[in-house]
Amino acid sequence: MKINAAATQLHTSAWTLRYYEEIGVLAPVARVSGMRDYQPADLARIREILDLRACGVTLDEIKRFLRLDSSADQRQLLATQAADLRDQITELTATLGRLETKIATLPERRLVANGAD
């Protein structure tokens, strides 16, 4: 499958696929007559990469994840990501609470246009 067809099927861009290959997240794809030829295994790997990205895993972490030899090590990396995400949710929840308090406690003010009531 050519790059544009693969990108369409994966709901991403050809640029993204090239970039993933360029930075080493995706192994170089076999070429036929100089053009990338994506096989089912390539598409499965890209789906995994895209799913990890959708979970907030950075490209560097994805590279590390894909290079790990054991499922236990992969689980640990993802568990760390989940813990970080829980921390972010806690911080965002607290921030939202502070913002909602500010909204609720703001006094009503009448706007004055050009200094006239």
C-alpha atoms as a PDB file:
ATOM      1  CA  MET A   1       0.000   0.000   0.000  1.00  0.00           C
ATOM      2  CA  LYS A   2       1.368   3.403  -0.969  1.00  0.00           C
ATOM      3  CA  ILE A   3       1.893   6.147   1.601  1.00  0.00           C
ATOM      4  CA  ASN A   4      -1.177   8.241   0.758  1.00  0.00           C
ATOM      5  CA  ALA A   5      -3.474   5.221   0.924  1.00  0.00           C
ATOM      6  CA  ALA A   6      -1.896   4.153   4.228  1.00  0.00           C
ATOM      7  CA  ALA A   7      -2.259   7.656   5.652  1.00  0.00           C
ATOM      8  CA  THR A   8      -5.920   7.797   4.616  1.00  0.00           C
ATOM      9  CA  GLN A   9      -6.641   4.382   6.126  1.00  0.00           C
ATOM     10  CA  LEU A  10      -4.886   5.366   9.363  1.00  0.00           C
ATOM     11  CA  HIS A  11      -6.537   8.807   9.543  1.00  0.00           C
ATOM     12  CA  THR A  12      -3.211  10.605   9.610  1.00  0.00           C
ATOM     13  CA  SER A  13      -0.995  12.381   7.093  1.00  0.00           C
ATOM     14  CA  ALA A  14       1.721  11.135   4.781  1.00  0.00           C
ATOM     15  CA  TRP A  15       3.949  13.766   6.412  1.00  0.00           C
ATOM     16  CA  THR A  16       3.401  12.103   9.813  1.00  0.00           C
ATOM     17  CA  LEU A  17       4.349   8.696   8.439  1.00  0.00           C
ATOM     18  CA  ARG A  18       7.518  10.085   6.866  1.00  0.00           C
ATOM     19  CA  TYR A  19       8.356  11.933  10.079  1.00  0.00           C
ATOM     20  CA  TYR A  20       7.908   8.828  12.240  1.00  0.00           C
ATOM     21  CA  GLU A  21      10.287   6.972   9.945  1.00  0.00           C
ATOM     22  CA  GLU A  22      12.758   9.881   9.910  1.00  0.00           C
ATOM     23  CA  ILE A  23      13.008  10.104  13.710  1.00  0.00           C
ATOM     24  CA  GLY A  24      13.153   6.346  14.184  1.00  0.00           C
ATOM     25  CA  VAL A  25       9.771   5.749  15.794  1.00  0.00           C
ATOM     26  CA  LEU A  26       8.880   3.648  12.770  1.00  0.00           C
ATOM     27  CA  ALA A  27      11.395   1.330  11.122  1.00  0.00           C
ATOM     28  CA  PRO A  28      12.146   2.157   7.488  1.00  0.00           C
ATOM     29  CA  VAL A  29       9.347   0.844   5.308  1.00  0.00           C
ATOM     30  CA  ALA A  30      10.197  -1.409   2.371  1.00  0.00           C
ATOM     31  CA  ARG A  31      10.266   0.359  -0.952  1.00  0.00           C
ATOM     32  CA  VAL A  32       9.149  -0.772  -4.375  1.00  0.00           C
ATOM     33  CA  SER A  33      10.537   1.285  -7.252  1.00  0.00           C
ATOM     34  CA  GLY A  34      11.671   3.842  -4.680  1.00  0.00           C
ATOM     35  CA  MET A  35       8.195   4.301  -3.157  1.00  0.00           C
ATOM     36  CA  ARG A  36       7.190   3.190   0.331  1.00  0.00           C
ATOM     37  CA  ASP A  37       5.096   0.028   0.304  1.00  0.00           C
ATOM     38  CA  TYR A  38       3.246  -0.418   3.590  1.00  0.00           C
ATOM     39  CA  GLN A  39       2.462  -3.988   4.603  1.00  0.00           C
ATOM     40  CA  PRO A  40      -0.156  -5.100   7.171  1.00  0.00           C
ATOM     41  CA  ALA A  41       2.557  -5.374   9.862  1.00  0.00           C
ATOM     42  CA  ASP A  42       3.611  -1.765   9.162  1.00  0.00           C
ATOM     43  CA  LEU A  43       0.013  -0.582   9.467  1.00  0.00           C
ATOM     44  CA  ALA A  44      -0.417  -2.476  12.747  1.00  0.00           C
ATOM     45  CA  ARG A  45       2.739  -0.871  14.153  1.00  0.00           C
ATOM     46  CA  ILE A  46       1.589   2.587  13.054  1.00  0.00           C
ATOM     47  CA  ARG A  47      -1.829   2.027  14.668  1.00  0.00           C
ATOM     48  CA  GLU A  48      -0.029   1.173  17.896  1.00  0.00           C
ATOM     49  CA  ILE A  49       2.080   4.339  17.629  1.00  0.00           C
ATOM     50  CA  LEU A  50      -0.962   6.511  16.902  1.00  0.00           C
ATOM     51  CA  ASP A  51      -2.861   4.964  19.811  1.00  0.00           C
ATOM     52  CA  LEU A  52       0.028   5.656  22.181  1.00  0.00           C
ATOM     53  CA  ARG A  53       0.191   9.255  20.934  1.00  0.00           C
ATOM     54  CA  ALA A  54      -3.556   9.598  21.545  1.00  0.00           C
ATOM     55  CA  CYS A  55      -2.861   8.459  25.128  1.00  0.00           C
ATOM     56  CA  GLY A  56      -0.383  11.302  25.570  1.00  0.00           C
ATOM     57  CA  VAL A  57       2.771   9.235  25.261  1.00  0.00           C
ATOM     58  CA  THR A  58       5.594  11.297  23.764  1.00  0.00           C
ATOM     59  CA  LEU A  59       7.449  10.163  20.671  1.00  0.00           C
ATOM     60  CA  ASP A  60      10.619   9.598  22.715  1.00  0.00           C
ATOM     61  CA  GLU A  61       8.672   7.427  25.153  1.00  0.00           C
ATOM     62  CA  ILE A  62       7.118   5.525  22.233  1.00  0.00           C
ATOM     63  CA  LYS A  63      10.589   4.825  20.832  1.00  0.00           C
ATOM     64  CA  ARG A  64      11.625   3.491  24.220  1.00  0.00           C
ATOM     65  CA  PHE A  65       8.385   1.487  24.560  1.00  0.00           C
ATOM     66  CA  LEU A  66       8.849  -0.195  21.182  1.00  0.00           C
ATOM     67  CA  ARG A  67      12.459  -1.101  21.984  1.00  0.00           C
ATOM     68  CA  LEU A  68      11.652  -2.742  25.312  1.00  0.00           C
ATOM     69  CA  ASP A  69      11.997  -6.517  25.259  1.00  0.00           C
ATOM     70  CA  SER A  70       9.452  -7.486  27.868  1.00  0.00           C
ATOM     71  CA  SER A  71       5.775  -6.812  28.372  1.00  0.00           C
ATOM     72  CA  ALA A  72       6.540  -6.135  32.037  1.00  0.00           C
ATOM     73  CA  ASP A  73       8.866  -3.272  31.068  1.00  0.00           C
ATOM     74  CA  GLN A  74       6.284  -1.932  28.612  1.00  0.00           C
ATOM     75  CA  ARG A  75       3.590  -2.113  31.302  1.00  0.00           C
ATOM     76  CA  GLN A  76       5.856  -0.193  33.694  1.00  0.00           C
ATOM     77  CA  LEU A  77       6.434   2.572  31.139  1.00  0.00           C
ATOM     78  CA  LEU A  78       2.686   2.869  30.524  1.00  0.00           C
ATOM     79  CA  ALA A  79       1.964   2.761  34.268  1.00  0.00           C
ATOM     80  CA  THR A  80       4.326   5.694  34.722  1.00  0.00           C
ATOM     81  CA  GLN A  81       2.485   7.550  31.952  1.00  0.00           C
ATOM     82  CA  ALA A  82      -0.846   6.780  33.659  1.00  0.00           C
ATOM     83  CA  ALA A  83       0.471   8.068  37.002  1.00  0.00           C
ATOM     84  CA  ASP A  84       1.665  11.278  35.342  1.00  0.00           C
ATOM     85  CA  LEU A  85      -1.750  11.705  33.732  1.00  0.00           C
ATOM     86  CA  ARG A  86      -3.506  11.196  37.081  1.00  0.00           C
ATOM     87  CA  ASP A  87      -1.257  13.904  38.576  1.00  0.00           C
ATOM     88  CA  GLN A  88      -2.159  16.270  35.732  1.00  0.00           C
ATOM     89  CA  ILE A  89      -5.870  15.544  36.250  1.00  0.00           C
ATOM     90  CA  THR A  90      -5.527  16.327  39.952  1.00  0.00           C
ATOM     91  CA  GLU A  91      -3.773  19.615  39.185  1.00  0.00           C
ATOM     92  CA  LEU A  92      -6.321  20.562  36.517  1.00  0.00           C
ATOM     93  CA  THR A  93      -9.225  19.714  38.826  1.00  0.00           C
ATOM     94  CA  ALA A  94      -7.772  21.979  41.508  1.00  0.00           C
ATOM     95  CA  THR A  95      -7.207  24.755  38.983  1.00  0.00           C
ATOM     96  CA  LEU A  96     -10.770  24.407  37.714  1.00  0.00           C
ATOM     97  CA  GLY A  97     -12.069  24.633  41.285  1.00  0.00           C
ATOM     98  CA  ARG A  98     -10.127  27.845  41.895  1.00  0.00           C
ATOM     99  CA  LEU A  99     -11.405  29.312  38.633  1.00  0.00           C
ATOM    100  CA  GLU A 100     -15.011  28.405  39.420  1.00  0.00           C
ATOM    101  CA  THR A 101     -14.645  30.007  42.865  1.00  0.00           C
ATOM    102  CA  LYS A 102     -13.347  33.212  41.269  1.00  0.00           C
ATOM    103  CA  ILE A 103     -16.278  33.241  38.844  1.00  0.00           C
ATOM    104  CA  ALA A 104     -18.790  32.703  41.632  1.00  0.00           C
ATOM    105  CA  THR A 105     -17.317  35.374  43.914  1.00  0.00           C
ATOM    106  CA  LEU A 106     -16.780  38.156  41.387  1.00  0.00           C
ATOM    107  CA  PRO A 107     -18.946  41.145  42.298  1.00  0.00           C
ATOM    108  CA  GLU A 108     -21.473  42.336  39.756  1.00  0.00           C
ATOM    109  CA  ARG A 109     -20.253  45.566  38.183  1.00  0.00           C
ATOM    110  CA  ARG A 110     -21.988  47.951  35.904  1.00  0.00           C
ATOM    111  CA  LEU A 111     -19.805  48.925  32.986  1.00  0.00           C
ATOM    112  CA  VAL A 112     -19.391  52.647  32.452  1.00  0.00           C
ATOM    113  CA  ALA A 113     -19.040  53.754  28.847  1.00  0.00           C
ATOM    114  CA  ASN A 114     -17.033  56.931  28.214  1.00  0.00           C
ATOM    115  CA  GLY A 115     -17.222  57.976  31.868  1.00  0.00           C
ATOM    116  CA  ALA A 116     -21.014  58.372  31.813  1.00  0.00           C
ATOM    117  CA  ASP A 117     -23.508  56.369  33.829  1.00  0.00           C
END
